[in-house]
Amino acid sequence: MIWNIPNALTLLRIALIPVFVLVFYLPILWARPVCALVFTLAGLTDWLDGWLARRWGQTSPLGAFLDPVADKLMVAIALVLLVQADPRVLLALPAAVIIGREITVSALREWMAEIGARAKVAVSTTGKLKTTSQMIAIVLLIIGEPVLGIPVVGIGLVLLYLAALLTLWSMVLYLRAAWPSLIGTRVQ
């Protein structure tokens, strides 16, 4: 079934992207907290749509395609906006690593699917930890100001670097799993 609640949640996540960008640039005091809320809502719909699809037996090829696209678009756009707002290497480096890894792993998965070996590069526990760290980091960086005296930007940067390290590690794991196919040998 193409039109179901899990797919609707994924489409909502995509529809939230222009809202997120617009609010990010609004010259009003509450823009960043609202952006953080929009990003958090997108992150929650990411978890919820997958859970509902599996629980209700509503997985679909459309959902399997759109879900990672929605995730990668929201994360990449958030990172680009954050780097544009604070163009220091301290933020640009992990953002470039994360975006570069997403492009690499997406291309790797597409190629592995073409040769019938997509399962070798399925989402891993490391990838899930990376995603969690990355989402929390981005929310904290979007907020951008201390909350109740807590230095959320510093915590966000630490988590973003953790996400970048996990990103590199998970990419190594995916490339290692795909290596025999990449060099043209088959592992029996």
C-alpha atoms as a PDB file:
ATOM      1  CA  MET A   1       0.000   0.000   0.000  1.00  0.00           C
ATOM      2  CA  ILE A   2       1.478   3.341  -1.071  1.00  0.00           C
ATOM      3  CA  TRP A   3      -0.672   5.706   0.994  1.00  0.00           C
ATOM      4  CA  ASN A   4      -0.461   4.777   4.631  1.00  0.00           C
ATOM      5  CA  ILE A   5       0.469   6.516   7.877  1.00  0.00           C
ATOM      6  CA  PRO A   6       4.172   5.540   7.803  1.00  0.00           C
ATOM      7  CA  ASN A   7       4.580   6.932   4.271  1.00  0.00           C
ATOM      8  CA  ALA A   8       2.581  10.033   5.224  1.00  0.00           C
ATOM      9  CA  LEU A   9       4.981  10.626   8.135  1.00  0.00           C
ATOM     10  CA  THR A  10       7.948  10.313   5.774  1.00  0.00           C
ATOM     11  CA  LEU A  11       6.349  12.799   3.363  1.00  0.00           C
ATOM     12  CA  LEU A  12       5.675  15.122   6.322  1.00  0.00           C
ATOM     13  CA  ARG A  13       9.386  14.987   7.137  1.00  0.00           C
ATOM     14  CA  ILE A  14      10.201  16.074   3.580  1.00  0.00           C
ATOM     15  CA  ALA A  15       7.551  18.816   3.722  1.00  0.00           C
ATOM     16  CA  LEU A  16       9.104  20.124   6.954  1.00  0.00           C
ATOM     17  CA  ILE A  17      12.402  20.886   5.180  1.00  0.00           C
ATOM     18  CA  PRO A  18      11.339  24.209   3.589  1.00  0.00           C
ATOM     19  CA  VAL A  19       9.597  25.163   6.848  1.00  0.00           C
ATOM     20  CA  PHE A  20      12.829  24.436   8.708  1.00  0.00           C
ATOM     21  CA  VAL A  21      14.884  26.564   6.284  1.00  0.00           C
ATOM     22  CA  LEU A  22      12.417  29.454   6.354  1.00  0.00           C
ATOM     23  CA  VAL A  23      12.212  29.542  10.146  1.00  0.00           C
ATOM     24  CA  PHE A  24      16.014  29.238  10.450  1.00  0.00           C
ATOM     25  CA  TYR A  25      16.417  32.536   8.594  1.00  0.00           C
ATOM     26  CA  LEU A  26      13.609  34.456  10.267  1.00  0.00           C
ATOM     27  CA  PRO A  27      15.035  37.475  12.110  1.00  0.00           C
ATOM     28  CA  ILE A  28      13.112  36.760  15.292  1.00  0.00           C
ATOM     29  CA  LEU A  29      14.239  35.696  18.745  1.00  0.00           C
ATOM     30  CA  TRP A  30      12.393  32.387  18.791  1.00  0.00           C
ATOM     31  CA  ALA A  31      13.514  31.167  15.344  1.00  0.00           C
ATOM     32  CA  ARG A  32      16.232  28.811  16.608  1.00  0.00           C
ATOM     33  CA  PRO A  33      14.084  27.103  19.285  1.00  0.00           C
ATOM     34  CA  VAL A  34      11.312  26.587  16.707  1.00  0.00           C
ATOM     35  CA  CYS A  35      13.884  25.182  14.243  1.00  0.00           C
ATOM     36  CA  ALA A  36      15.113  22.802  16.933  1.00  0.00           C
ATOM     37  CA  LEU A  37      11.516  21.750  17.518  1.00  0.00           C
ATOM     38  CA  VAL A  38      10.910  21.183  13.779  1.00  0.00           C
ATOM     39  CA  PHE A  39      14.125  19.130  13.520  1.00  0.00           C
ATOM     40  CA  THR A  40      13.154  17.121  16.618  1.00  0.00           C
ATOM     41  CA  LEU A  41       9.696  16.480  15.152  1.00  0.00           C
ATOM     42  CA  ALA A  42      11.343  15.267  11.940  1.00  0.00           C
ATOM     43  CA  GLY A  43      13.613  12.963  13.936  1.00  0.00           C
ATOM     44  CA  LEU A  44      10.672  11.539  15.869  1.00  0.00           C
ATOM     45  CA  THR A  45       8.705  10.912  12.673  1.00  0.00           C
ATOM     46  CA  ASP A  46      11.754   9.066  11.322  1.00  0.00           C
ATOM     47  CA  TRP A  47      11.640   6.662  14.251  1.00  0.00           C
ATOM     48  CA  LEU A  48       7.823   6.472  14.296  1.00  0.00           C
ATOM     49  CA  ASP A  49       7.287   5.798  10.588  1.00  0.00           C
ATOM     50  CA  GLY A  50       9.675   2.833  10.628  1.00  0.00           C
ATOM     51  CA  TRP A  51       8.201   1.433  13.823  1.00  0.00           C
ATOM     52  CA  LEU A  52       4.620   1.770  12.544  1.00  0.00           C
ATOM     53  CA  ALA A  53       5.464   0.298   9.135  1.00  0.00           C
ATOM     54  CA  ARG A  54       6.963  -2.809  10.755  1.00  0.00           C
ATOM     55  CA  ARG A  55       4.303  -3.109  13.465  1.00  0.00           C
ATOM     56  CA  TRP A  56       1.354  -2.684  11.104  1.00  0.00           C
ATOM     57  CA  GLY A  57       2.906  -4.615   8.218  1.00  0.00           C
ATOM     58  CA  GLN A  58       2.831  -1.484   6.049  1.00  0.00           C
ATOM     59  CA  THR A  59       6.334  -1.546   4.658  1.00  0.00           C
ATOM     60  CA  SER A  60       6.480  -0.594   1.000  1.00  0.00           C
ATOM     61  CA  PRO A  61       9.046   0.011  -1.729  1.00  0.00           C
ATOM     62  CA  LEU A  62       8.059   3.710  -1.713  1.00  0.00           C
ATOM     63  CA  GLY A  63       8.646   3.953   2.038  1.00  0.00           C
ATOM     64  CA  ALA A  64      11.931   2.042   1.807  1.00  0.00           C
ATOM     65  CA  PHE A  65      13.087   4.558  -0.821  1.00  0.00           C
ATOM     66  CA  LEU A  66      11.724   7.775   0.705  1.00  0.00           C
ATOM     67  CA  ASP A  67      12.698   7.177   4.339  1.00  0.00           C
ATOM     68  CA  PRO A  68      16.489   7.373   3.905  1.00  0.00           C
ATOM     69  CA  VAL A  69      16.110  10.197   1.368  1.00  0.00           C
ATOM     70  CA  ALA A  70      14.077  12.246   3.858  1.00  0.00           C
ATOM     71  CA  ASP A  71      16.613  11.590   6.624  1.00  0.00           C
ATOM     72  CA  LYS A  72      19.633  12.509   4.550  1.00  0.00           C
ATOM     73  CA  LEU A  73      18.003  15.648   3.138  1.00  0.00           C
ATOM     74  CA  MET A  74      17.018  16.982   6.560  1.00  0.00           C
ATOM     75  CA  VAL A  75      20.417  16.243   8.122  1.00  0.00           C
ATOM     76  CA  ALA A  76      22.428  17.621   5.198  1.00  0.00           C
ATOM     77  CA  ILE A  77      20.356  20.798   5.009  1.00  0.00           C
ATOM     78  CA  ALA A  78      20.580  21.334   8.767  1.00  0.00           C
ATOM     79  CA  LEU A  79      24.361  20.886   8.684  1.00  0.00           C
ATOM     80  CA  VAL A  80      24.751  23.245   5.712  1.00  0.00           C
ATOM     81  CA  LEU A  81      22.659  25.916   7.466  1.00  0.00           C
ATOM     82  CA  LEU A  82      24.620  25.513  10.692  1.00  0.00           C
ATOM     83  CA  VAL A  83      27.957  25.834   8.869  1.00  0.00           C
ATOM     84  CA  GLN A  84      26.674  28.851   6.951  1.00  0.00           C
ATOM     85  CA  ALA A  85      25.660  30.481  10.243  1.00  0.00           C
ATOM     86  CA  ASP A  86      28.982  29.574  11.927  1.00  0.00           C
ATOM     87  CA  PRO A  87      31.602  29.037   9.177  1.00  0.00           C
ATOM     88  CA  ARG A  88      34.437  27.809  11.402  1.00  0.00           C
ATOM     89  CA  VAL A  89      36.449  24.700  10.559  1.00  0.00           C
ATOM     90  CA  LEU A  90      35.425  23.348  13.975  1.00  0.00           C
ATOM     91  CA  LEU A  91      31.895  22.851  12.631  1.00  0.00           C
ATOM     92  CA  ALA A  92      32.614  22.518   8.904  1.00  0.00           C
ATOM     93  CA  LEU A  93      34.923  19.509   9.294  1.00  0.00           C
ATOM     94  CA  PRO A  94      32.483  17.095  10.978  1.00  0.00           C
ATOM     95  CA  ALA A  95      29.664  18.377   8.748  1.00  0.00           C
ATOM     96  CA  ALA A  96      31.729  17.600   5.633  1.00  0.00           C
ATOM     97  CA  VAL A  97      32.625  14.147   6.987  1.00  0.00           C
ATOM     98  CA  ILE A  98      28.981  13.324   7.744  1.00  0.00           C
ATOM     99  CA  ILE A  99      27.633  14.587   4.411  1.00  0.00           C
ATOM    100  CA  GLY A 100      30.468  12.951   2.475  1.00  0.00           C
ATOM    101  CA  ARG A 101      29.879   9.628   4.213  1.00  0.00           C
ATOM    102  CA  GLU A 102      26.159   9.753   3.467  1.00  0.00           C
ATOM    103  CA  ILE A 103      26.862  10.258  -0.231  1.00  0.00           C
ATOM    104  CA  THR A 104      29.455   7.474  -0.259  1.00  0.00           C
ATOM    105  CA  VAL A 105      27.342   4.933   1.616  1.00  0.00           C
ATOM    106  CA  SER A 106      24.228   5.781  -0.422  1.00  0.00           C
ATOM    107  CA  ALA A 107      26.158   5.185  -3.645  1.00  0.00           C
ATOM    108  CA  LEU A 108      27.628   1.982  -2.213  1.00  0.00           C
ATOM    109  CA  ARG A 109      24.185   0.683  -1.219  1.00  0.00           C
ATOM    110  CA  GLU A 110      22.763   1.536  -4.639  1.00  0.00           C
ATOM    111  CA  TRP A 111      25.605  -0.270  -6.393  1.00  0.00           C
ATOM    112  CA  MET A 112      25.375  -3.279  -4.071  1.00  0.00           C
ATOM    113  CA  ALA A 113      21.635  -3.459  -4.738  1.00  0.00           C
ATOM    114  CA  GLU A 114      22.311  -3.487  -8.481  1.00  0.00           C
ATOM    115  CA  ILE A 115      24.517  -6.546  -8.110  1.00  0.00           C
ATOM    116  CA  GLY A 116      22.073  -8.250  -5.721  1.00  0.00           C
ATOM    117  CA  ALA A 117      24.187  -7.846  -2.592  1.00  0.00           C
ATOM    118  CA  ARG A 118      22.323  -5.046  -0.775  1.00  0.00           C
ATOM    119  CA  ALA A 119      22.070  -7.089   2.456  1.00  0.00           C
ATOM    120  CA  LYS A 120      25.857  -6.861   2.898  1.00  0.00           C
ATOM    121  CA  VAL A 121      25.524  -3.118   3.545  1.00  0.00           C
ATOM    122  CA  ALA A 122      22.354  -3.050   5.625  1.00  0.00           C
ATOM    123  CA  VAL A 123      22.015  -0.549   8.474  1.00  0.00           C
ATOM    124  CA  SER A 124      24.162  -1.544  11.446  1.00  0.00           C
ATOM    125  CA  THR A 125      24.087  -0.809  15.170  1.00  0.00           C
ATOM    126  CA  THR A 126      26.983   1.602  14.647  1.00  0.00           C
ATOM    127  CA  GLY A 127      24.886   3.438  12.063  1.00  0.00           C
ATOM    128  CA  LYS A 128      22.020   3.724  14.526  1.00  0.00           C
ATOM    129  CA  LEU A 129      24.329   5.092  17.239  1.00  0.00           C
ATOM    130  CA  LYS A 130      25.721   7.556  14.704  1.00  0.00           C
ATOM    131  CA  THR A 131      22.247   8.716  13.801  1.00  0.00           C
ATOM    132  CA  THR A 132      21.216   9.212  17.429  1.00  0.00           C
ATOM    133  CA  SER A 133      24.371  11.168  18.275  1.00  0.00           C
ATOM    134  CA  GLN A 134      24.039  13.229  15.103  1.00  0.00           C
ATOM    135  CA  MET A 135      20.379  14.110  15.707  1.00  0.00           C
ATOM    136  CA  ILE A 136      20.956  15.213  19.301  1.00  0.00           C
ATOM    137  CA  ALA A 137      24.059  17.177  18.238  1.00  0.00           C
ATOM    138  CA  ILE A 138      22.176  19.006  15.504  1.00  0.00           C
ATOM    139  CA  VAL A 139      19.304  19.930  17.823  1.00  0.00           C
ATOM    140  CA  LEU A 140      21.752  21.340  20.384  1.00  0.00           C
ATOM    141  CA  LEU A 141      23.674  23.248  17.710  1.00  0.00           C
ATOM    142  CA  ILE A 142      20.454  24.680  16.296  1.00  0.00           C
ATOM    143  CA  ILE A 143      19.458  25.972  19.728  1.00  0.00           C
ATOM    144  CA  GLY A 144      22.827  27.721  19.797  1.00  0.00           C
ATOM    145  CA  GLU A 145      22.490  29.388  23.201  1.00  0.00           C
ATOM    146  CA  PRO A 146      23.033  28.040  26.716  1.00  0.00           C
ATOM    147  CA  VAL A 147      19.914  26.504  28.237  1.00  0.00           C
ATOM    148  CA  LEU A 148      19.660  26.887  32.013  1.00  0.00           C
ATOM    149  CA  GLY A 149      23.392  27.551  32.047  1.00  0.00           C
ATOM    150  CA  ILE A 150      24.160  24.362  30.105  1.00  0.00           C
ATOM    151  CA  PRO A 151      26.583  24.990  27.196  1.00  0.00           C
ATOM    152  CA  VAL A 152      24.511  23.241  24.532  1.00  0.00           C
ATOM    153  CA  VAL A 153      26.801  24.291  21.671  1.00  0.00           C
ATOM    154  CA  GLY A 154      29.831  22.681  23.325  1.00  0.00           C
ATOM    155  CA  ILE A 155      27.889  19.493  24.019  1.00  0.00           C
ATOM    156  CA  GLY A 156      26.504  19.589  20.479  1.00  0.00           C
ATOM    157  CA  LEU A 157      30.003  19.876  19.006  1.00  0.00           C
ATOM    158  CA  VAL A 158      31.280  16.944  21.084  1.00  0.00           C
ATOM    159  CA  LEU A 159      28.314  14.838  19.936  1.00  0.00           C
ATOM    160  CA  LEU A 160      28.802  15.955  16.327  1.00  0.00           C
ATOM    161  CA  TYR A 161      32.450  14.848  16.454  1.00  0.00           C
ATOM    162  CA  LEU A 162      31.333  11.551  18.001  1.00  0.00           C
ATOM    163  CA  ALA A 163      28.813  11.199  15.161  1.00  0.00           C
ATOM    164  CA  ALA A 164      31.565  11.985  12.620  1.00  0.00           C
ATOM    165  CA  LEU A 165      33.828   9.293  14.132  1.00  0.00           C
ATOM    166  CA  LEU A 166      30.970   6.776  14.166  1.00  0.00           C
ATOM    167  CA  THR A 167      30.189   7.859  10.602  1.00  0.00           C
ATOM    168  CA  LEU A 168      33.712   7.046   9.471  1.00  0.00           C
ATOM    169  CA  TRP A 169      33.738   3.768  11.406  1.00  0.00           C
ATOM    170  CA  SER A 170      30.391   2.628   9.970  1.00  0.00           C
ATOM    171  CA  MET A 171      31.564   3.590   6.473  1.00  0.00           C
ATOM    172  CA  VAL A 172      34.692   1.455   6.972  1.00  0.00           C
ATOM    173  CA  LEU A 173      32.485  -1.452   8.085  1.00  0.00           C
ATOM    174  CA  TYR A 174      30.232  -1.054   5.030  1.00  0.00           C
ATOM    175  CA  LEU A 175      33.201  -0.770   2.651  1.00  0.00           C
ATOM    176  CA  ARG A 176      34.861  -3.808   4.233  1.00  0.00           C
ATOM    177  CA  ALA A 177      31.656  -5.840   3.812  1.00  0.00           C
ATOM    178  CA  ALA A 178      31.386  -4.731   0.185  1.00  0.00           C
ATOM    179  CA  TRP A 179      35.106  -4.981  -0.640  1.00  0.00           C
ATOM    180  CA  PRO A 180      35.027  -8.434  -2.276  1.00  0.00           C
ATOM    181  CA  SER A 181      32.270  -7.206  -4.593  1.00  0.00           C
ATOM    182  CA  LEU A 182      34.074  -3.936  -5.262  1.00  0.00           C
ATOM    183  CA  ILE A 183      37.269  -5.658  -6.377  1.00  0.00           C
ATOM    184  CA  GLY A 184      35.398  -8.283  -8.354  1.00  0.00           C
ATOM    185  CA  THR A 185      35.838 -11.350  -6.174  1.00  0.00           C
ATOM    186  CA  ARG A 186      33.083 -13.365  -4.597  1.00  0.00           C
ATOM    187  CA  VAL A 187      33.248 -14.598  -1.020  1.00  0.00           C
ATOM    188  CA  GLN A 188      31.614 -18.004  -0.681  1.00  0.00           C
END
